[in-house]
Amino acid sequence: MKGINYITDDAGNKTAVVIDLNLYSEELEEFIEELEAQSRVSEPKVTTRL
């Protein structure tokens, strides 16, 4: 895939990824926002009373 490179260990296992932000910045931002939203699902809800 253009703009995506993998870093591998000595055994050939993928251990990291390098993503060209000029090509994928919007997709990466959406992905990170989704991860953040999912991480908050189990947090207690905070309500305010006016």
PDB file of N, CA and C in Angstrom:
ATOM      1  N   MET A   1       0.852  -1.167   0.000  1.00  0.00           N
ATOM      2  CA  MET A   1       0.000   0.000   0.000  1.00  0.00           C
ATOM      3  C   MET A   1       0.905   1.239   0.000  1.00  0.00           C
ATOM      4  N   LYS A   2       0.648   2.158  -0.880  1.00  0.00           N
ATOM      5  CA  LYS A   2       1.476   3.350  -0.997  1.00  0.00           C
ATOM      6  C   LYS A   2       1.361   4.208   0.266  1.00  0.00           C
ATOM      7  N   GLY A   3       2.496   4.650   0.776  1.00  0.00           N
ATOM      8  CA  GLY A   3       2.512   5.529   1.933  1.00  0.00           C
ATOM      9  C   GLY A   3       2.472   4.822   3.272  1.00  0.00           C
ATOM     10  N   ILE A   4       2.517   3.483   3.257  1.00  0.00           N
ATOM     11  CA  ILE A   4       2.518   2.719   4.506  1.00  0.00           C
ATOM     12  C   ILE A   4       3.680   1.735   4.465  1.00  0.00           C
ATOM     13  N   ASN A   5       4.546   1.828   5.471  1.00  0.00           N
ATOM     14  CA  ASN A   5       5.700   0.936   5.568  1.00  0.00           C
ATOM     15  C   ASN A   5       5.715   0.294   6.946  1.00  0.00           C
ATOM     16  N   TYR A   6       6.121  -0.959   6.984  1.00  0.00           N
ATOM     17  CA  TYR A   6       6.164  -1.702   8.238  1.00  0.00           C
ATOM     18  C   TYR A   6       7.602  -1.882   8.697  1.00  0.00           C
ATOM     19  N   ILE A   7       7.790  -1.790   9.992  1.00  0.00           N
ATOM     20  CA  ILE A   7       9.059  -2.105  10.628  1.00  0.00           C
ATOM     21  C   ILE A   7       8.919  -3.530  11.143  1.00  0.00           C
ATOM     22  N   THR A   8       9.907  -4.359  10.869  1.00  0.00           N
ATOM     23  CA  THR A   8       9.848  -5.756  11.302  1.00  0.00           C
ATOM     24  C   THR A   8      11.021  -6.087  12.212  1.00  0.00           C
ATOM     25  N   ASP A   9      10.810  -7.109  13.040  1.00  0.00           N
ATOM     26  CA  ASP A   9      11.898  -7.596  13.879  1.00  0.00           C
ATOM     27  C   ASP A   9      12.733  -8.598  13.083  1.00  0.00           C
ATOM     28  N   ASP A  10      13.723  -9.182  13.735  1.00  0.00           N
ATOM     29  CA  ASP A  10      14.623 -10.120  13.051  1.00  0.00           C
ATOM     30  C   ASP A  10      13.900 -11.350  12.514  1.00  0.00           C
ATOM     31  N   ALA A  11      12.752 -11.684  13.101  1.00  0.00           N
ATOM     32  CA  ALA A  11      11.989 -12.850  12.655  1.00  0.00           C
ATOM     33  C   ALA A  11      11.004 -12.501  11.540  1.00  0.00           C
ATOM     34  N   GLY A  12      10.949 -11.224  11.169  1.00  0.00           N
ATOM     35  CA  GLY A  12      10.039 -10.806  10.113  1.00  0.00           C
ATOM     36  C   GLY A  12       8.651 -10.418  10.589  1.00  0.00           C
ATOM     37  N   ASN A  13       8.453 -10.377  11.912  1.00  0.00           N
ATOM     38  CA  ASN A  13       7.157  -9.983  12.471  1.00  0.00           C
ATOM     39  C   ASN A  13       7.009  -8.462  12.428  1.00  0.00           C
ATOM     40  N   LYS A  14       5.854  -7.984  12.005  1.00  0.00           N
ATOM     41  CA  LYS A  14       5.602  -6.551  11.977  1.00  0.00           C
ATOM     42  C   LYS A  14       5.504  -6.037  13.409  1.00  0.00           C
ATOM     43  N   THR A  15       6.296  -5.019  13.719  1.00  0.00           N
ATOM     44  CA  THR A  15       6.315  -4.475  15.072  1.00  0.00           C
ATOM     45  C   THR A  15       5.897  -3.013  15.128  1.00  0.00           C
ATOM     46  N   ALA A  16       5.908  -2.337  13.996  1.00  0.00           N
ATOM     47  CA  ALA A  16       5.534  -0.922  13.947  1.00  0.00           C
ATOM     48  C   ALA A  16       5.140  -0.572  12.524  1.00  0.00           C
ATOM     49  N   VAL A  17       4.514   0.578  12.398  1.00  0.00           N
ATOM     50  CA  VAL A  17       4.102   1.035  11.073  1.00  0.00           C
ATOM     51  C   VAL A  17       4.472   2.510  10.923  1.00  0.00           C
ATOM     52  N   VAL A  18       4.887   2.881   9.729  1.00  0.00           N
ATOM     53  CA  VAL A  18       5.166   4.272   9.397  1.00  0.00           C
ATOM     54  C   VAL A  18       4.131   4.681   8.354  1.00  0.00           C
ATOM     55  N   ILE A  19       3.359   5.711   8.677  1.00  0.00           N
ATOM     56  CA  ILE A  19       2.270   6.154   7.807  1.00  0.00           C
ATOM     57  C   ILE A  19       2.579   7.554   7.296  1.00  0.00           C
ATOM     58  N   ASP A  20       2.504   7.729   5.990  1.00  0.00           N
ATOM     59  CA  ASP A  20       2.717   9.036   5.369  1.00  0.00           C
ATOM     60  C   ASP A  20       1.517   9.924   5.686  1.00  0.00           C
ATOM     61  N   LEU A  21       1.736  10.917   6.544  1.00  0.00           N
ATOM     62  CA  LEU A  21       0.633  11.777   6.966  1.00  0.00           C
ATOM     63  C   LEU A  21       0.137  12.686   5.851  1.00  0.00           C
ATOM     64  N   ASN A  22       0.959  12.919   4.844  1.00  0.00           N
ATOM     65  CA  ASN A  22       0.489  13.695   3.698  1.00  0.00           C
ATOM     66  C   ASN A  22      -0.596  12.939   2.942  1.00  0.00           C
ATOM     67  N   LEU A  23      -0.568  11.622   3.007  1.00  0.00           N
ATOM     68  CA  LEU A  23      -1.553  10.802   2.307  1.00  0.00           C
ATOM     69  C   LEU A  23      -2.715  10.377   3.194  1.00  0.00           C
ATOM     70  N   TYR A  24      -2.465  10.176   4.488  1.00  0.00           N
ATOM     71  CA  TYR A  24      -3.462   9.538   5.352  1.00  0.00           C
ATOM     72  C   TYR A  24      -3.810  10.329   6.612  1.00  0.00           C
ATOM     73  N   SER A  25      -3.566  11.615   6.643  1.00  0.00           N
ATOM     74  CA  SER A  25      -3.800  12.367   7.882  1.00  0.00           C
ATOM     75  C   SER A  25      -5.269  12.351   8.306  1.00  0.00           C
ATOM     76  N   GLU A  26      -6.195  12.507   7.366  1.00  0.00           N
ATOM     77  CA  GLU A  26      -7.618  12.509   7.733  1.00  0.00           C
ATOM     78  C   GLU A  26      -8.056  11.150   8.263  1.00  0.00           C
ATOM     79  N   GLU A  27      -7.646  10.088   7.591  1.00  0.00           N
ATOM     80  CA  GLU A  27      -8.023   8.744   8.020  1.00  0.00           C
ATOM     81  C   GLU A  27      -7.446   8.427   9.392  1.00  0.00           C
ATOM     82  N   LEU A  28      -6.198   8.835   9.614  1.00  0.00           N
ATOM     83  CA  LEU A  28      -5.557   8.570  10.900  1.00  0.00           C
ATOM     84  C   LEU A  28      -6.240   9.364  12.009  1.00  0.00           C
ATOM     85  N   GLU A  29      -6.601  10.600  11.729  1.00  0.00           N
ATOM     86  CA  GLU A  29      -7.299  11.412  12.722  1.00  0.00           C
ATOM     87  C   GLU A  29      -8.643  10.783  13.091  1.00  0.00           C
ATOM     88  N   GLU A  30      -9.391  10.308  12.106  1.00  0.00           N
ATOM     89  CA  GLU A  30     -10.668   9.649  12.373  1.00  0.00           C
ATOM     90  C   GLU A  30     -10.473   8.369  13.183  1.00  0.00           C
ATOM     91  N   PHE A  31      -9.442   7.616  12.859  1.00  0.00           N
ATOM     92  CA  PHE A  31      -9.141   6.382  13.581  1.00  0.00           C
ATOM     93  C   PHE A  31      -8.833   6.683  15.048  1.00  0.00           C
ATOM     94  N   ILE A  32      -8.015   7.686  15.292  1.00  0.00           N
ATOM     95  CA  ILE A  32      -7.647   8.047  16.664  1.00  0.00           C
ATOM     96  C   ILE A  32      -8.871   8.546  17.432  1.00  0.00           C
ATOM     97  N   GLU A  33      -9.710   9.352  16.787  1.00  0.00           N
ATOM     98  CA  GLU A  33     -10.929   9.824  17.445  1.00  0.00           C
ATOM     99  C   GLU A  33     -11.834   8.660  17.834  1.00  0.00           C
ATOM    100  N   GLU A  34     -11.938   7.662  16.970  1.00  0.00           N
ATOM    101  CA  GLU A  34     -12.756   6.486  17.276  1.00  0.00           C
ATOM    102  C   GLU A  34     -12.173   5.706  18.453  1.00  0.00           C
ATOM    103  N   LEU A  35     -10.854   5.545  18.487  1.00  0.00           N
ATOM    104  CA  LEU A  35     -10.217   4.862  19.616  1.00  0.00           C
ATOM    105  C   LEU A  35     -10.476   5.608  20.921  1.00  0.00           C
ATOM    106  N   GLU A  36     -10.370   6.939  20.878  1.00  0.00           N
ATOM    107  CA  GLU A  36     -10.625   7.735  22.077  1.00  0.00           C
ATOM    108  C   GLU A  36     -12.071   7.584  22.537  1.00  0.00           C
ATOM    109  N   ALA A  37     -13.009   7.603  21.606  1.00  0.00           N
ATOM    110  CA  ALA A  37     -14.424   7.446  21.956  1.00  0.00           C
ATOM    111  C   ALA A  37     -14.673   6.082  22.583  1.00  0.00           C
ATOM    112  N   GLN A  38     -14.097   5.038  22.015  1.00  0.00           N
ATOM    113  CA  GLN A  38     -14.281   3.690  22.554  1.00  0.00           C
ATOM    114  C   GLN A  38     -13.668   3.562  23.942  1.00  0.00           C
ATOM    115  N   SER A  39     -12.566   4.254  24.187  1.00  0.00           N
ATOM    116  CA  SER A  39     -11.920   4.152  25.497  1.00  0.00           C
ATOM    117  C   SER A  39     -12.755   4.817  26.585  1.00  0.00           C
ATOM    118  N   ARG A  40     -13.641   5.737  26.199  1.00  0.00           N
ATOM    119  CA  ARG A  40     -14.486   6.433  27.177  1.00  0.00           C
ATOM    120  C   ARG A  40     -15.804   5.729  27.445  1.00  0.00           C
ATOM    121  N   VAL A  41     -16.124   4.689  26.707  1.00  0.00           N
ATOM    122  CA  VAL A  41     -17.414   4.003  26.858  1.00  0.00           C
ATOM    123  C   VAL A  41     -17.607   3.481  28.275  1.00  0.00           C
ATOM    124  N   SER A  42     -16.568   2.946  28.873  1.00  0.00           N
ATOM    125  CA  SER A  42     -16.697   2.349  30.203  1.00  0.00           C
ATOM    126  C   SER A  42     -16.529   3.362  31.334  1.00  0.00           C
ATOM    127  N   GLU A  43     -16.240   4.618  31.019  1.00  0.00           N
ATOM    128  CA  GLU A  43     -16.103   5.636  32.053  1.00  0.00           C
ATOM    129  C   GLU A  43     -17.478   6.019  32.587  1.00  0.00           C
ATOM    130  N   PRO A  44     -17.543   6.377  33.873  1.00  0.00           N
ATOM    131  CA  PRO A  44     -18.836   6.790  34.423  1.00  0.00           C
ATOM    132  C   PRO A  44     -19.323   8.079  33.760  1.00  0.00           C
ATOM    133  N   LYS A  45     -20.627   8.173  33.613  1.00  0.00           N
ATOM    134  CA  LYS A  45     -21.230   9.363  33.017  1.00  0.00           C
ATOM    135  C   LYS A  45     -21.223  10.490  34.047  1.00  0.00           C
ATOM    136  N   VAL A  46     -20.947  11.689  33.602  1.00  0.00           N
ATOM    137  CA  VAL A  46     -20.959  12.858  34.468  1.00  0.00           C
ATOM    138  C   VAL A  46     -22.131  13.728  34.047  1.00  0.00           C
ATOM    139  N   THR A  47     -22.981  14.029  35.003  1.00  0.00           N
ATOM    140  CA  THR A  47     -24.120  14.896  34.704  1.00  0.00           C
ATOM    141  C   THR A  47     -23.993  16.170  35.522  1.00  0.00           C
ATOM    142  N   THR A  48     -24.490  17.238  34.963  1.00  0.00           N
ATOM    143  CA  THR A  48     -24.488  18.509  35.683  1.00  0.00           C
ATOM    144  C   THR A  48     -25.917  18.974  35.837  1.00  0.00           C
ATOM    145  N   ARG A  49     -26.176  19.600  36.946  1.00  0.00           N
ATOM    146  CA  ARG A  49     -27.513  20.137  37.192  1.00  0.00           C
ATOM    147  C   ARG A  49     -27.413  21.649  37.172  1.00  0.00           C
ATOM    148  N   LEU A  50     -28.307  22.245  36.457  1.00  0.00           N
ATOM    149  CA  LEU A  50     -28.319  23.711  36.380  1.00  0.00           C
ATOM    150  C   LEU A  50     -29.337  24.287  37.316  1.00  0.00           C
TER     151      LEU A  50
END
